[in-house]
Amino acid sequence: MVRFSRNALRRQKLIGGQEDLACHASKGRTPRTELLYRESGVIYVYLCYGMHWLMNVITGEPEQPQGVLIRAGAVHNGPAKLTKYLQVDKHFNGDSFITCPELWIAEDGYCPELCTDVRVGIDYAGEYWKSRPWRWIDNTNA
């Protein structure tokens, strides 16, 4: 059984919708991006570079493709390292953090000190989207 806790969830990156050129939905609705258009809480998992599973939680209203990439845990400093540790793969794609018995995000009252930074790994999206300060980092113990 897998669970995020305040000790695990440390970095997130916003996916801003169809207008955001770093968002998979920026090129339109496809079978691959269909989950981005679902309700908040849906888990969107995709294979990056043909070898790393990355995990997002959908955060927008239905038909508004928005989400957050889960980027890092307290010990696992990258989205692929985190999903490997949590044993996340395509099996979770389309499930929901609200109903999945194996993977969920729980509110525990923890309110970290956050800092923001620019997103990384999205040079293809252009300078405007690359420079958005849409990466949140738990700076409490940095």
Foldseek 3Di string as FASTA:
>chain_A
DDEDDLQFQFKKFKDQFLVQLLHPCVVHDDPLQQLLQAAFFAWRWDDDPNHFIWIWTRHDHHRTRIIMTRATGNPGHGRRSSCVVLVDDCVRHGPGLVPDPSYHYDDDPDDADKDWFFDPDPVVRDDVNRGPRRMIGRPRPD
